[in-house]
Protein backbone atom coordinates (compact mmCIF):
# COMPACT_ATOMS: atom_id res chain seq x y z
CA MET A 1 -37.59 64.84 50.22
CA ASP A 2 -39.56 67.56 48.41
CA LYS A 3 -38.10 68.68 45.11
CA LYS A 4 -36.46 72.08 44.81
CA ILE A 5 -38.08 74.15 42.05
CA LEU A 6 -36.54 77.31 40.63
CA PHE A 7 -38.72 79.50 38.40
CA ILE A 8 -37.68 81.91 35.66
CA GLY A 9 -40.55 83.89 34.20
CA GLY A 10 -40.59 86.96 32.03
CA SER A 11 -41.18 87.87 28.43
CA PRO A 12 -40.35 86.10 25.14
CA CYS A 13 -36.94 86.61 23.53
CA SER A 14 -35.24 87.76 26.73
CA GLY A 15 -32.62 85.04 27.22
CA LYS A 16 -34.63 82.96 29.72
CA SER A 17 -34.11 79.69 27.88
CA THR A 18 -30.37 80.22 27.46
CA VAL A 19 -29.93 80.76 31.20
CA ALA A 20 -32.24 77.89 32.16
CA GLU A 21 -30.46 75.45 29.84
CA ARG A 22 -27.11 76.38 31.36
CA ILE A 23 -28.43 75.98 34.91
CA SER A 24 -29.77 72.57 33.93
CA LYS A 25 -26.43 71.43 32.50
CA GLU A 26 -24.13 72.88 35.14
CA CYS A 27 -26.28 72.31 38.23
CA GLY A 28 -27.85 68.98 37.25
CA ALA A 29 -31.41 70.34 37.35
CA PHE A 30 -34.29 69.01 35.27
CA TYR A 31 -35.17 71.64 32.68
CA PHE A 32 -38.92 72.21 32.48
CA LYS A 33 -39.57 74.40 29.45
CA ALA A 34 -43.23 75.42 29.67
CA ASP A 35 -43.43 76.26 25.95
CA ASP A 36 -42.79 72.60 25.07
CA TYR A 37 -46.16 71.64 26.57
CA LEU A 38 -48.35 74.57 25.50
CA ASP A 39 -50.29 72.58 22.91
CA ASP A 40 -51.11 69.87 25.47
CA PHE A 41 -52.07 72.45 28.10
CA THR A 42 -54.30 74.24 25.60
CA SER A 43 -56.06 71.00 24.68
CA LEU A 44 -56.74 70.26 28.35
CA ALA A 45 -58.14 73.76 28.87
CA VAL A 46 -60.37 73.43 25.80
CA LYS A 47 -61.78 70.17 27.21
CA LYS A 48 -62.59 72.07 30.41
CA GLY A 49 -64.45 74.69 28.37
CA LEU A 50 -62.10 77.54 29.28
CA PRO A 51 -62.93 80.46 26.98
CA ILE A 52 -59.59 82.00 25.98
CA CYS A 53 -57.92 78.68 25.15
CA ASN A 54 -60.99 77.65 23.19
CA LYS A 55 -60.93 80.95 21.28
CA VAL A 56 -57.21 80.66 20.48
CA ARG A 57 -57.55 77.06 19.34
CA HIS A 58 -60.24 77.93 16.78
CA MET A 59 -58.96 81.25 15.39
CA THR A 60 -57.52 81.52 11.90
CA ALA A 61 -53.99 82.85 11.44
CA ASP A 62 -55.24 86.32 10.53
CA GLU A 63 -57.82 86.36 13.32
CA ASN A 64 -55.00 85.69 15.75
CA TRP A 65 -52.12 87.81 14.53
CA LEU A 66 -53.95 90.76 12.97
CA ARG A 67 -55.78 91.65 16.17
CA THR A 68 -54.59 94.75 18.02
CA PRO A 69 -51.43 94.20 20.09
CA LYS A 70 -53.30 95.20 23.27
CA GLU A 71 -55.98 92.57 22.70
CA GLN A 72 -53.31 89.96 22.03
CA CYS A 73 -51.38 90.96 25.16
CA ASP A 74 -54.44 90.99 27.44
CA GLU A 75 -55.50 87.56 26.20
CA GLU A 76 -51.96 86.18 26.55
CA PHE A 77 -52.11 86.82 30.30
CA LEU A 78 -55.59 85.27 30.49
CA PHE A 79 -54.35 82.28 28.48
CA TYR A 80 -51.57 81.63 31.00
CA GLU A 81 -54.08 81.91 33.85
CA GLU A 82 -56.27 79.25 32.21
CA ILE A 83 -53.44 76.75 31.74
CA SER A 84 -51.69 77.39 35.06
CA GLU A 85 -53.29 74.48 36.91
CA SER A 86 -52.05 72.05 34.25
CA VAL A 87 -48.59 73.64 34.24
CA PHE A 88 -48.08 73.14 37.96
CA GLN A 89 -49.51 69.63 37.86
CA LYS A 90 -46.97 68.75 35.16
CA ILE A 91 -44.13 70.18 37.24
CA ASN A 92 -45.28 68.25 40.30
CA ASP A 93 -45.17 65.06 38.23
CA VAL A 94 -41.49 65.57 37.35
CA ASP A 95 -39.31 62.95 39.05
CA ALA A 96 -36.27 65.04 39.94
CA ASP A 97 -34.70 66.55 43.05
CA VAL A 98 -34.09 69.93 41.40
CA VAL A 99 -36.17 71.51 38.64
CA ILE A 100 -35.50 74.72 36.71
CA ALA A 101 -38.88 75.79 35.31
CA GLU A 102 -38.82 78.47 32.63
CA GLY A 103 -41.37 80.26 30.51
CA ALA A 104 -43.54 83.32 29.99
CA ALA A 105 -46.32 81.16 31.46
CA PHE A 106 -44.90 81.94 34.91
CA THR A 107 -46.28 85.47 35.06
CA PRO A 108 -45.84 87.53 38.24
CA ASP A 109 -49.63 87.69 38.56
CA ILE A 110 -49.69 83.89 38.84
CA MET A 111 -46.52 83.51 40.92
CA LYS A 112 -46.74 86.42 43.39
CA ASN A 113 -48.59 84.47 46.11
CA LYS A 114 -46.87 81.11 45.68
CA ASN A 115 -43.94 81.72 48.04
CA CYS A 116 -41.40 80.15 45.70
CA ASN A 117 -37.93 80.83 44.30
CA TYR A 118 -38.90 83.01 41.35
CA MET A 119 -37.52 85.82 39.22
CA CYS A 120 -38.15 87.31 35.78
CA ILE A 121 -36.16 88.36 32.74
CA VAL A 122 -37.56 90.75 30.15
CA PRO A 123 -35.81 92.20 27.07
CA SER A 124 -35.40 95.80 26.10
CA PRO A 125 -37.48 96.52 22.98
CA GLU A 126 -34.33 96.78 20.85
CA PHE A 127 -32.95 93.45 22.11
CA GLN A 128 -36.33 91.76 21.60
CA ILE A 129 -36.83 92.91 18.01
CA SER A 130 -33.26 92.18 16.90
CA HIS A 131 -33.36 88.65 18.34
CA TYR A 132 -36.86 87.83 17.11
CA LYS A 133 -35.62 88.41 13.56
CA LEU A 134 -33.08 85.61 14.10
CA ARG A 135 -35.64 83.03 15.25
CA GLU A 136 -35.99 80.19 12.74
CA TRP A 137 -39.71 79.74 13.42
CA VAL A 138 -40.76 83.35 12.73
CA PRO A 139 -41.15 82.89 8.93
CA TYR A 140 -43.26 79.79 9.60
CA VAL A 141 -45.54 81.75 11.95
CA LEU A 142 -45.96 84.54 9.40
CA LYS A 143 -46.24 82.51 6.19
CA ASP A 144 -50.06 82.29 6.00
CA ARG A 145 -50.75 85.88 7.04
CA THR A 146 -52.30 88.21 4.46
CA ASP A 147 -50.23 91.09 5.85
CA LYS A 148 -46.92 89.69 7.12
CA ALA A 149 -45.43 93.07 8.02
CA LEU A 150 -48.44 94.03 10.14
CA ALA A 151 -48.52 90.61 11.79
CA PHE A 152 -44.83 90.88 12.74
CA ASP A 153 -45.25 94.43 14.01
CA ASN A 154 -48.27 93.37 16.08
CA LEU A 155 -46.24 90.51 17.55
CA MET A 156 -43.42 92.88 18.50
CA GLN A 157 -45.79 95.41 20.06
CA ARG A 158 -47.67 92.66 21.92
CA ASP A 159 -44.48 91.36 23.49
CA ILE A 160 -43.22 94.84 24.36
CA MET A 161 -46.52 95.41 26.19
CA PHE A 162 -46.19 92.00 27.82
CA ALA A 163 -42.66 92.80 29.04
CA ASN A 164 -43.71 96.19 30.40
CA ARG A 165 -46.60 94.66 32.35
CA VAL A 166 -44.38 91.88 33.73
CA LYS A 167 -41.79 94.43 34.86
CA ALA A 168 -44.41 96.71 36.43
CA THR A 169 -46.10 93.83 38.29
CA CYS A 170 -42.72 92.63 39.56
CA GLU A 171 -41.90 96.10 40.87
CA VAL A 172 -45.23 96.36 42.73
CA ASN A 173 -44.77 92.93 44.32
CA GLY A 174 -41.06 93.09 45.15
CA ILE A 175 -40.11 90.41 42.61
CA THR A 176 -36.67 90.62 41.00
CA CYS A 177 -36.88 91.41 37.28
CA ILE A 178 -33.82 91.80 35.06
CA VAL A 179 -33.99 93.82 31.85
CA ASN A 180 -31.75 92.21 29.22
CA ASP A 181 -30.56 94.91 26.83
CA GLY A 182 -27.72 92.85 25.40
CA THR A 183 -24.93 94.64 27.26
CA LYS A 184 -24.26 91.63 29.51
CA SER A 185 -22.66 88.50 28.10
CA GLU A 186 -24.42 85.14 28.42
CA ILE A 187 -22.08 84.11 31.24
CA GLU A 188 -22.72 87.40 33.08
CA MET A 189 -26.48 86.88 32.78
CA TYR A 190 -26.09 83.28 33.94
CA ASN A 191 -24.05 84.26 36.99
CA THR A 192 -26.52 87.03 37.87
CA VAL A 193 -29.50 84.66 37.70
CA LYS A 194 -27.63 81.98 39.67
CA CYS A 195 -27.01 84.51 42.43
CA ILE A 196 -30.65 85.65 42.49
CA LEU A 197 -31.88 82.05 42.68
CA GLY A 198 -29.39 81.18 45.42
CA LEU A 199 -27.26 78.81 43.35
CA SER A 200 -23.91 80.56 43.65
């Protein structure tokens, strides 16, 4: 029997992982977190000579994070396009009847023609910024930057642009996209996503 795959895309710091983890635990689905494999996917793309992944792999910290937010955002979408073949191959290799696949890698541009069970979650700007500041890895990402404040601001603006583009593309293509502004509890978000994905 073919495996059932549920996809949650969207933007960073929106609550995607929290919902996906809960679906995995309560519904017995294999949790495929795309971010866990990004380094491997990037390496494969570099071996294929794909330009954006090759550029990202060889940039210094400042070259990466002190670019304009728009350039970072545009290249983020191109990056996900370049690794998409490897992402779906990895999912196909998963030995499970039900898979919950989650990550910003599942952009609506990539997913819109795949005829699959897919929805997105994006954060409001306020929710995104407040929750990014709580992430344990943020100081590590910023530690080697010559201008930490600018690097953090660029990251925030990049992801706000990313969320806006995801939401707009979803609207054009009739894809469900939830905006998480923090007014719903985790259980309310979970139940909403379960309903959208046909699990309730």
